[in-house]
């Protein structure tokens, strides 16, 4: 590997570290607020939000796993927790009896409607705070749409 290749590798690694640092700051702030006010983790919120955006309000389990970036076993445990809280239900796909859908309940939609403004506010605040860190300013501005 040449000097130019080494520099490119370092630039990518540095960019990844900056992105990971920003992600960590945002996730920590969201986790704290969502947990305290709604007893929701960030990944639980992500699943409820993903389900709310689906036509017919349902998704196959593997789609939910992709939306939350979780393994099949982890998404099964997460869905079980949310189902036990009556925030979503599982139902059999009418076209493929092997397929299982997840669907928001009324209680899940209500909780999401309450949590969404808090999520958005905390996200905006975390991005504003990240702007004060010189290494994160440009990333935060990009995510804020500036």
Protein backbone atom coordinates (compact mmCIF):
# COMPACT_ATOMS: atom_id res chain seq x y z
CA UNK A 1 0.00 0.00 0.00
CA UNK A 2 1.40 3.38 -0.98
CA UNK A 3 1.45 6.65 0.91
CA UNK A 4 -1.63 7.90 -0.96
CA UNK A 5 -3.50 4.71 -0.04
CA UNK A 6 -2.48 5.08 3.61
CA UNK A 7 -3.81 8.66 3.61
CA UNK A 8 -7.13 7.57 2.09
CA UNK A 9 -7.50 4.84 4.70
CA UNK A 10 -6.82 7.31 7.49
CA UNK A 11 -9.29 9.85 6.06
CA UNK A 12 -12.01 7.19 5.95
CA UNK A 13 -11.16 6.00 9.45
CA UNK A 14 -11.22 9.55 10.76
CA UNK A 15 -14.58 10.17 9.09
CA UNK A 16 -15.98 6.98 10.60
CA UNK A 17 -14.74 7.97 14.09
CA UNK A 18 -16.38 11.39 13.73
CA UNK A 19 -19.65 9.82 12.59
CA UNK A 20 -19.55 7.29 15.46
CA UNK A 21 -18.88 10.09 17.95
CA UNK A 22 -21.85 12.10 16.67
CA UNK A 23 -24.07 9.02 16.67
CA UNK A 24 -23.06 8.25 20.25
CA UNK A 25 -23.87 11.76 21.45
CA UNK A 26 -27.28 11.72 19.76
CA UNK A 27 -28.17 8.21 20.89
CA UNK A 28 -27.20 8.95 24.51
CA UNK A 29 -29.38 12.08 24.59
CA UNK A 30 -32.33 10.31 22.97
CA UNK A 31 -32.00 7.25 25.19
CA UNK A 32 -32.03 9.38 28.33
CA UNK A 33 -35.10 11.39 27.33
CA UNK A 34 -37.17 8.56 25.83
CA UNK A 35 -36.43 6.24 28.71
CA UNK A 36 -37.22 8.82 31.39
CA UNK A 37 -40.41 10.13 29.84
CA UNK A 38 -41.85 7.13 27.98
CA UNK A 39 -40.00 4.04 29.19
CA UNK A 40 -38.81 3.52 25.60
CA UNK A 41 -35.34 2.74 24.35
CA UNK A 42 -34.09 4.36 21.16
CA UNK A 43 -34.42 1.07 19.27
CA UNK A 44 -37.98 0.56 20.57
CA UNK A 45 -38.86 4.07 19.37
CA UNK A 46 -37.25 3.27 16.02
CA UNK A 47 -39.43 0.18 15.61
CA UNK A 48 -42.63 2.03 16.53
CA UNK A 49 -41.69 4.85 14.17
CA UNK A 50 -40.89 2.44 11.31
CA UNK A 51 -44.20 0.63 11.81
CA UNK A 52 -46.12 3.92 11.84
CA UNK A 53 -44.78 4.76 8.38
CA UNK A 54 -46.10 1.59 6.73
CA UNK A 55 -49.21 1.49 4.61
CA UNK A 56 -51.60 -0.71 6.54
CA UNK A 57 -49.50 -0.22 9.69
CA UNK A 58 -47.61 -3.51 9.48
CA UNK A 59 -44.24 -4.95 8.50
CA UNK A 60 -42.76 -8.43 8.26
CA UNK A 61 -40.48 -9.31 11.15
CA UNK A 62 -37.35 -9.28 8.97
CA UNK A 63 -38.25 -5.77 7.76
CA UNK A 64 -38.57 -4.64 11.36
CA UNK A 65 -35.16 -6.16 12.06
CA UNK A 66 -33.60 -4.25 9.17
CA UNK A 67 -35.25 -0.99 10.25
CA UNK A 68 -33.82 -1.39 13.75
CA UNK A 69 -30.50 -2.92 12.62
CA UNK A 70 -31.07 -5.99 14.81
CA UNK A 71 -30.50 -9.70 14.32
CA UNK A 72 -33.52 -12.01 13.97
CA UNK A 73 -33.23 -13.22 17.57
CA UNK A 74 -32.82 -9.68 18.93
CA UNK A 75 -35.82 -8.40 16.97
CA UNK A 76 -37.92 -11.31 18.24
CA UNK A 77 -37.07 -10.37 21.83
CA UNK A 78 -37.74 -6.69 21.15
CA UNK A 79 -41.09 -7.39 19.49
CA UNK A 80 -42.05 -9.64 22.40
CA UNK A 81 -41.28 -6.82 24.86
CA UNK A 82 -43.32 -4.32 22.85
CA UNK A 83 -46.14 -6.85 22.43
CA UNK A 84 -46.18 -7.46 26.20
CA UNK A 85 -46.63 -3.70 26.65
CA UNK A 86 -49.54 -3.78 24.15
CA UNK A 87 -47.69 -1.42 21.79
CA UNK A 88 -47.77 -3.81 18.85
CA UNK A 89 -49.19 -7.17 17.85
CA UNK A 90 -47.97 -9.99 15.65
CA UNK A 91 -50.27 -11.46 13.04
CA UNK A 92 -49.96 -14.15 10.40
CA UNK A 93 -49.56 -13.03 6.79
CA UNK A 94 -52.76 -14.05 4.95
CA UNK A 95 -50.83 -14.77 1.72
CA UNK A 96 -47.98 -16.73 3.30
CA UNK A 97 -48.86 -18.50 6.54
CA UNK A 98 -45.13 -18.70 7.38
CA UNK A 99 -44.83 -14.91 7.35
CA UNK A 100 -45.42 -12.92 10.51
CA UNK A 101 -46.33 -9.26 10.47
CA UNK A 102 -45.99 -6.76 13.25
CA UNK A 103 -48.55 -4.03 13.57
CA UNK A 104 -48.95 -1.03 15.87
CA UNK A 105 -51.80 -1.07 18.34
CA UNK A 106 -53.81 2.02 19.19
CA UNK A 107 -51.78 2.26 22.39
CA UNK A 108 -48.55 2.07 20.35
CA UNK A 109 -49.69 4.82 18.00
CA UNK A 110 -50.69 6.98 20.98
CA UNK A 111 -47.35 6.49 22.72
CA UNK A 112 -45.46 7.23 19.51
CA UNK A 113 -47.50 10.41 18.97
CA UNK A 114 -46.52 11.55 22.46
CA UNK A 115 -42.86 10.56 22.12
CA UNK A 116 -42.24 11.91 18.60
CA UNK A 117 -42.12 15.62 19.53
CA UNK A 118 -39.72 14.84 22.39
CA UNK A 119 -37.57 12.73 20.06
CA UNK A 120 -37.46 15.53 17.49
CA UNK A 121 -36.67 18.18 20.12
CA UNK A 122 -33.85 16.13 21.67
CA UNK A 123 -32.44 15.31 18.24
CA UNK A 124 -32.40 19.00 17.33
CA UNK A 125 -30.78 19.92 20.66
CA UNK A 126 -28.15 17.17 20.33
CA UNK A 127 -27.26 18.40 16.85
CA UNK A 128 -27.02 21.99 18.11
CA UNK A 129 -24.71 20.88 20.93
CA UNK A 130 -22.61 18.83 18.50
CA UNK A 131 -22.04 21.98 16.45
CA UNK A 132 -19.98 23.29 19.37
CA UNK A 133 -17.47 20.45 18.86
CA UNK A 134 -15.24 21.54 15.97
CA UNK A 135 -14.76 18.00 14.64
CA UNK A 136 -18.53 17.48 14.48
CA UNK A 137 -19.77 20.85 13.21
CA UNK A 138 -19.95 19.95 9.53
CA UNK A 139 -21.65 16.60 10.20
CA UNK A 140 -24.18 18.20 12.53
CA UNK A 141 -24.90 20.93 9.98
CA UNK A 142 -25.38 18.34 7.26
CA UNK A 143 -27.89 16.40 9.36
CA UNK A 144 -29.70 19.61 10.25
CA UNK A 145 -30.13 20.25 6.50
CA UNK A 146 -27.79 23.22 6.34
